[in-house]
């Protein structure tokens, strides 16, 4: 997989970042930059599903920013990609349990915000089985909100609650 935008020399002093993004489906995607700084327990809305190179991926958003490239400004996001879904668990669950490894800063990617499809929940997978290979990984499972593909027909937008 390509790494999205490659920026070798970035002057981060001229980059303005922001913490929230309103998606076309009415959801509001947040970012780790602000959610982790909150003193109260935030509603976690920084995990997203994205379409990158015609494949669906899951990621944690770090922040959003505008970046000048080829004489134009692109609106991008810096994110940490989750690993590919565990094929064995996916097959055994009849394509219902999507389990991915959280890779944090080892899998950073910059992409245009138009590739973000939806906000998803990605809670940690409970360690209910004694499987040694699972102990060393930070495994999470994906929960998508059903009906998002038709939600915009009714004109519904989610509320953004400041903590």
Foldseek 3Di string as FASTA:
>chain_A
DDQADDDDDDPCVPKDWDFWDQDLLQEIAGACCPCVVDPDNDPHQQWFWFQDPNDIWIWGWHIWIWDDDPNDTAIKTKIATWAAFDPVVCVVVVNPWGKTFGDPPVGIGIHGPNRTDGGWDWAFDDCPDPDVVVVVTRMTTIGDDPPSVPSCVVVDHDDDDDD
